[in-house]
Amino acid sequence: MSIVLILQTNIVLSSGEFRVAVIDTGLNLKDPRFKPFLCADGHQDFTGEGLDDKMGHGTHVAGLIIKNSKKSKNFCLVIYKFYAGGKSPEDHERSYKLALTAALKSKARLINFSGYSSIFYAWEYEALRDNPQVTVVTAA
């Protein structure tokens, strides 16, 4: 398991074609700049709202990944919406668990997760421990 703490926004993706999972608030699907970078399949909404990003955070994160990874065109983004306003902490945990499981099953090599919790989740630890080829990026 690799967990990378990014203190700046300069993410550099290595060569080789691979999937980058963005577990966040969705994506602005109307913005044509994302189309060339989206994976052909795998995008999922776990909130019941649809993939559109009503909060803007997932779109911002996806934009930073693209902007700071222009040296590599050998990746695609797969969007997993786990967070929506007005949901309970239990709903967010459930949808995050589903999103992380889906991202790992999709063979994503890099996962960007924007979330918060002071709770230790054994299921999360075990899922990441069992997938040492995956790098997880999160903000602090």
Protein backbone atom coordinates (compact mmCIF):
# COMPACT_ATOMS: atom_id res chain seq x y z
CA MET A 1 0.00 0.00 0.00
CA SER A 2 1.26 3.45 -0.89
CA ILE A 3 -0.29 6.50 0.67
CA VAL A 4 1.06 9.76 -0.72
CA LEU A 5 0.52 13.03 1.10
CA ILE A 6 0.48 15.87 -1.41
CA LEU A 7 1.31 19.23 0.11
CA GLN A 8 1.30 21.00 -3.24
CA THR A 9 -0.77 20.46 -6.37
CA ASN A 10 2.02 19.15 -8.59
CA ILE A 11 1.03 15.53 -9.19
CA VAL A 12 3.21 13.78 -11.77
CA LEU A 13 1.90 10.58 -13.30
CA SER A 14 4.37 7.99 -14.47
CA SER A 15 4.37 6.56 -17.96
CA GLY A 16 2.13 3.68 -18.94
CA GLU A 17 -1.59 3.80 -19.55
CA PHE A 18 -3.63 3.59 -16.38
CA ARG A 19 -6.80 4.67 -14.63
CA VAL A 20 -6.92 7.48 -12.10
CA ALA A 21 -9.96 7.24 -9.80
CA VAL A 22 -11.39 10.46 -8.40
CA ILE A 23 -13.56 9.70 -5.36
CA ASP A 24 -15.25 13.00 -4.63
CA THR A 25 -18.37 15.11 -5.33
CA GLY A 26 -18.71 14.20 -9.01
CA LEU A 27 -17.69 16.10 -12.14
CA ASN A 28 -19.05 18.98 -14.21
CA LEU A 29 -20.13 16.86 -17.15
CA LYS A 30 -20.87 19.93 -19.28
CA ASP A 31 -17.23 21.06 -19.33
CA PRO A 32 -15.76 19.78 -22.63
CA ARG A 33 -12.17 20.03 -21.34
CA PHE A 34 -12.64 16.80 -19.35
CA LYS A 35 -13.90 14.65 -22.23
CA PRO A 36 -10.44 13.68 -23.61
CA PHE A 37 -9.34 12.58 -20.15
CA LEU A 38 -12.34 10.49 -19.10
CA CYS A 39 -12.19 6.71 -19.13
CA ALA A 40 -14.70 5.14 -21.48
CA ASP A 41 -16.37 3.23 -18.64
CA GLY A 42 -16.63 2.75 -14.90
CA HIS A 43 -18.00 6.10 -13.70
CA GLN A 44 -20.48 5.64 -10.85
CA ASP A 45 -22.68 7.73 -8.59
CA PHE A 46 -23.24 6.37 -5.08
CA THR A 47 -25.36 9.30 -3.86
CA GLY A 48 -28.49 8.99 -5.97
CA GLU A 49 -27.96 12.48 -7.44
CA GLY A 50 -26.19 11.52 -10.65
CA LEU A 51 -22.54 12.21 -11.51
CA ASP A 52 -22.93 15.97 -12.00
CA ASP A 53 -20.88 17.92 -9.45
CA LYS A 54 -23.23 20.27 -7.60
CA MET A 55 -20.52 21.31 -5.13
CA GLY A 56 -17.61 21.86 -7.53
CA HIS A 57 -14.93 20.12 -5.50
CA GLY A 58 -14.62 16.96 -7.60
CA THR A 59 -14.42 19.06 -10.76
CA HIS A 60 -11.69 21.19 -9.19
CA VAL A 61 -9.67 18.12 -8.17
CA ALA A 62 -10.04 16.50 -11.62
CA GLY A 63 -8.92 19.77 -13.20
CA LEU A 64 -5.82 19.91 -10.98
CA ILE A 65 -4.90 16.34 -11.88
CA ILE A 66 -5.18 17.11 -15.59
CA LYS A 67 -3.41 20.46 -15.36
CA ASN A 68 -0.49 19.09 -13.38
CA SER A 69 -0.16 15.88 -15.37
CA LYS A 70 0.23 17.32 -18.88
CA LYS A 71 3.57 15.54 -19.20
CA SER A 72 1.62 12.29 -19.42
CA LYS A 73 -1.35 11.60 -21.68
CA ASN A 74 -1.35 7.90 -20.81
CA PHE A 75 -4.07 8.03 -18.18
CA CYS A 76 -7.79 8.43 -17.93
CA LEU A 77 -10.02 9.63 -15.11
CA VAL A 78 -12.81 7.50 -13.70
CA ILE A 79 -15.25 9.43 -11.52
CA TYR A 80 -16.84 8.00 -8.37
CA LYS A 81 -19.29 10.33 -6.68
CA PHE A 82 -19.56 9.48 -3.01
CA TYR A 83 -20.41 12.83 -1.41
CA ALA A 84 -23.56 14.93 -1.66
CA GLY A 85 -24.79 17.67 0.63
CA GLY A 86 -27.55 16.91 3.10
CA LYS A 87 -26.61 13.27 3.57
CA SER A 88 -25.85 11.69 6.94
CA PRO A 89 -22.34 10.61 7.99
CA GLU A 90 -23.56 7.01 7.71
CA ASP A 91 -24.66 7.64 4.11
CA HIS A 92 -21.24 9.12 3.30
CA GLU A 93 -19.41 6.17 4.86
CA ARG A 94 -21.59 3.70 2.94
CA SER A 95 -21.11 5.50 -0.36
CA TYR A 96 -17.36 5.93 0.24
CA LYS A 97 -17.01 2.20 0.92
CA LEU A 98 -18.83 1.43 -2.34
CA ALA A 99 -16.75 3.97 -4.27
CA LEU A 100 -13.42 2.70 -2.91
CA THR A 101 -14.41 -0.90 -3.64
CA ALA A 102 -15.42 0.06 -7.20
CA ALA A 103 -12.19 1.99 -7.75
CA LEU A 104 -10.09 -0.95 -6.61
CA LYS A 105 -12.06 -3.38 -8.76
CA SER A 106 -11.61 -1.07 -11.76
CA LYS A 107 -7.85 -1.58 -11.52
CA ALA A 108 -7.21 2.10 -10.82
CA ARG A 109 -3.50 2.60 -10.11
CA LEU A 110 -3.96 6.01 -8.52
CA ILE A 111 -6.89 7.02 -6.33
CA ASN A 112 -7.53 10.60 -5.32
CA PHE A 113 -9.87 10.67 -2.34
CA SER A 114 -11.28 13.86 -0.89
CA GLY A 115 -13.02 13.14 2.36
CA TYR A 116 -12.79 13.60 6.05
CA SER A 117 -13.12 11.46 9.14
CA SER A 118 -11.36 10.91 12.39
CA ILE A 119 -12.70 7.36 12.50
CA PHE A 120 -10.48 4.37 11.73
CA TYR A 121 -12.24 2.05 9.29
CA ALA A 122 -10.88 -1.48 9.38
CA TRP A 123 -12.52 -2.22 6.01
CA GLU A 124 -10.64 0.72 4.45
CA TYR A 125 -7.31 -0.37 5.92
CA GLU A 126 -7.82 -3.95 4.72
CA ALA A 127 -8.91 -2.88 1.22
CA LEU A 128 -5.80 -0.72 0.77
CA ARG A 129 -3.50 -3.26 2.42
CA ASP A 130 -4.75 -5.91 -0.01
CA ASN A 131 -4.03 -3.66 -3.02
CA PRO A 132 -0.38 -2.59 -2.60
CA GLN A 133 -0.12 -1.61 -6.28
CA VAL A 134 -2.51 1.31 -5.71
CA THR A 135 -1.33 4.77 -4.67
CA VAL A 136 -3.80 6.86 -2.70
CA VAL A 137 -3.56 10.65 -2.82
CA THR A 138 -5.38 12.79 -0.30
CA ALA A 139 -5.13 16.32 1.00
CA ALA A 140 -4.33 17.23 4.58
